[in-house]
Amino acid sequence: MKLVLKIASGVLLAGIITFAVRAAYVSYTVHIATEALREAVTEQQERAAMMQAEREEQARLKKLQQQRAIDAARKKSQEYAKKQRAWNDYYVAPEGCEIYKSDGHMVECINHKMRAKGEFEKVYKAGGISST
C-alpha cells in the first residue's frame, strides 16, 4: 500500500510540476505576445503621428505658396496700375485725334501713340518716370 501511495504521489507531483511548467510557459508566451503587440501599436502610433505632421507641413507649405502667389499677383497688379497712371499722365494725344477723320488720319494718330508708348517704355524702365 505504501508503494501505491508513493507511486500515486509521484504521479501527482509530476502532474503538478508539468502543470506549473505549462502555466509558466503560457504566461511567458502571453508576455512576449503582449510586448510585441505593444511595440507594434507604439510603432503604428508613431507612423500615424509622422504622417499627420507631414500632412500639416504640406498644408502649411501649400498655404505659404498660395499666399506668395497672391502677394505676387497683388504686386504685379499694383505695378501695372502704377505704370498705367504714369502712362496716362505722360501721354497727351495730339489735337484732332479724338475722332478720326479718315483711315490715314487714324493710322497717323495710332502711330503717334505707338511711338510715344515705345519712348515711354524706355524712359519708364530707366526709372525716369513715376506716377503721381
Protein backbone atom coordinates (compact mmCIF):
# COMPACT_ATOMS: atom_id res chain seq x y z
CA MET A 1 0.00 0.00 0.00
CA LYS A 2 2.82 2.35 0.79
CA LEU A 3 4.23 1.69 -2.65
CA VAL A 4 0.93 2.57 -4.31
CA LEU A 5 0.78 5.83 -2.32
CA LYS A 6 4.36 6.63 -3.25
CA ILE A 7 3.63 5.98 -6.94
CA ALA A 8 0.38 7.96 -6.79
CA SER A 9 2.09 10.87 -5.02
CA GLY A 10 4.92 10.74 -7.60
CA VAL A 11 2.43 10.82 -10.48
CA LEU A 12 0.52 13.64 -8.76
CA LEU A 13 3.74 15.57 -8.15
CA ALA A 14 4.77 15.07 -11.79
CA GLY A 15 1.34 16.35 -12.91
CA ILE A 16 1.62 19.39 -10.66
CA ILE A 17 5.14 20.14 -11.92
CA THR A 18 4.02 19.68 -15.54
CA PHE A 19 1.04 21.99 -14.93
CA ALA A 20 3.28 24.61 -13.31
CA VAL A 21 5.77 24.45 -16.20
CA ARG A 22 2.99 24.76 -18.77
CA ALA A 23 1.43 27.66 -16.86
CA ALA A 24 4.81 29.41 -16.71
CA TYR A 25 5.33 28.79 -20.43
CA VAL A 26 1.86 30.12 -21.31
CA SER A 27 2.46 33.14 -19.08
CA TYR A 28 5.81 33.78 -20.76
CA THR A 29 4.27 33.39 -24.24
CA VAL A 30 1.44 35.79 -23.34
CA HIS A 31 4.00 38.27 -22.00
CA ILE A 32 6.06 38.07 -25.22
CA ALA A 33 2.93 38.45 -27.38
CA THR A 34 1.75 41.41 -25.29
CA GLU A 35 5.13 43.13 -25.62
CA ALA A 36 5.17 42.52 -29.38
CA LEU A 37 1.65 43.91 -29.67
CA ARG A 38 2.55 46.94 -27.54
CA GLU A 39 5.60 47.62 -29.72
CA ALA A 40 3.51 47.26 -32.89
CA VAL A 41 0.88 49.66 -31.55
CA THR A 42 3.54 52.16 -30.50
CA GLU A 43 5.20 51.93 -33.90
CA GLN A 44 1.85 52.41 -35.64
CA GLN A 45 1.08 55.44 -33.48
CA GLU A 46 4.50 56.93 -34.28
CA ARG A 47 3.92 56.39 -38.00
CA ALA A 48 0.48 57.97 -37.76
CA ALA A 49 1.93 60.95 -35.89
CA MET A 50 4.67 61.34 -38.51
CA MET A 51 2.13 61.15 -41.33
CA GLN A 52 -0.06 63.74 -39.60
CA ALA A 53 2.94 66.03 -39.10
CA GLU A 54 3.86 65.59 -42.77
CA ARG A 55 0.31 66.43 -43.87
CA GLU A 56 0.32 69.51 -41.66
CA GLU A 57 3.69 70.59 -43.07
CA GLN A 58 2.44 70.10 -46.63
CA ALA A 59 -0.69 72.12 -45.84
CA ARG A 60 1.47 74.87 -44.31
CA LEU A 61 3.74 74.92 -47.36
CA LYS A 62 0.76 74.98 -49.72
CA LYS A 63 -0.79 77.86 -47.79
CA LEU A 64 2.54 79.72 -47.86
CA GLN A 65 2.86 79.11 -51.60
CA GLN A 66 -0.68 80.37 -52.17
CA GLN A 67 0.00 83.46 -50.08
CA ARG A 68 3.17 84.15 -52.05
CA ALA A 69 1.23 83.78 -55.31
CA ILE A 70 -1.43 86.17 -54.02
CA ASP A 71 1.23 88.66 -52.93
CA ALA A 72 2.99 88.39 -56.29
CA ALA A 73 -0.29 88.91 -58.16
CA ARG A 74 -1.15 91.88 -55.95
CA LYS A 75 2.30 93.40 -56.50
CA LYS A 76 2.06 92.85 -60.25
CA SER A 77 -1.39 94.43 -60.31
CA GLN A 78 -0.17 97.42 -58.30
CA GLU A 79 2.84 97.82 -60.59
CA TYR A 80 0.59 97.64 -63.64
CA ALA A 81 -1.79 100.25 -62.18
CA LYS A 82 1.16 102.50 -61.30
CA LYS A 83 2.52 102.15 -64.83
CA GLN A 84 -0.90 102.88 -66.32
CA ARG A 85 -1.22 106.04 -64.20
CA ALA A 86 2.23 107.11 -65.34
CA TRP A 87 1.28 106.43 -68.96
CA ASN A 88 -1.96 108.36 -68.60
CA ASP A 89 -0.03 111.28 -67.12
CA TYR A 90 2.68 111.04 -69.79
CA TYR A 91 0.71 110.67 -73.00
CA VAL A 92 -1.18 113.56 -74.47
CA ALA A 93 -2.94 112.74 -77.72
CA PRO A 94 -2.34 115.27 -80.48
CA GLU A 95 -5.18 117.61 -81.19
CA GLY A 96 -7.70 116.18 -83.58
CA CYS A 97 -7.02 112.53 -82.71
CA GLU A 98 -10.11 112.17 -80.54
CA ILE A 99 -12.21 111.48 -83.63
CA TYR A 100 -10.57 110.09 -86.76
CA LYS A 101 -11.28 111.96 -89.98
CA SER A 102 -10.01 109.27 -92.33
CA ASP A 103 -8.14 105.99 -92.40
CA GLY A 104 -4.89 107.83 -92.97
CA HIS A 105 -5.59 110.14 -90.06
CA MET A 106 -6.34 107.11 -87.85
CA VAL A 107 -3.05 105.48 -88.85
CA GLU A 108 -1.19 108.71 -88.13
CA CYS A 109 -2.77 109.02 -84.65
CA ILE A 110 -2.15 105.37 -83.78
CA ASN A 111 1.46 105.59 -84.98
CA HIS A 112 1.96 108.67 -82.82
CA LYS A 113 0.59 106.80 -79.81
CA MET A 114 2.77 103.74 -80.54
CA ARG A 115 5.92 105.86 -80.84
CA ALA A 116 5.04 107.65 -77.61
CA LYS A 117 4.40 104.30 -75.92
CA GLY A 118 7.80 102.97 -77.05
CA GLU A 119 9.52 106.11 -75.78
CA PHE A 120 7.55 105.88 -72.53
CA GLU A 121 8.58 102.23 -72.03
CA LYS A 122 12.26 103.09 -72.41
CA VAL A 123 12.08 106.03 -70.03
CA TYR A 124 9.89 104.16 -67.53
CA LYS A 125 12.24 101.16 -67.42
CA ALA A 126 15.15 103.52 -66.83
CA GLY A 127 13.23 104.94 -63.86
CA GLY A 128 12.78 108.38 -65.38
CA ILE A 129 9.00 108.42 -64.98
CA SER A 130 6.91 107.74 -61.93
CA SER A 131 3.19 108.00 -61.36
CA THR A 132 1.72 110.68 -59.15
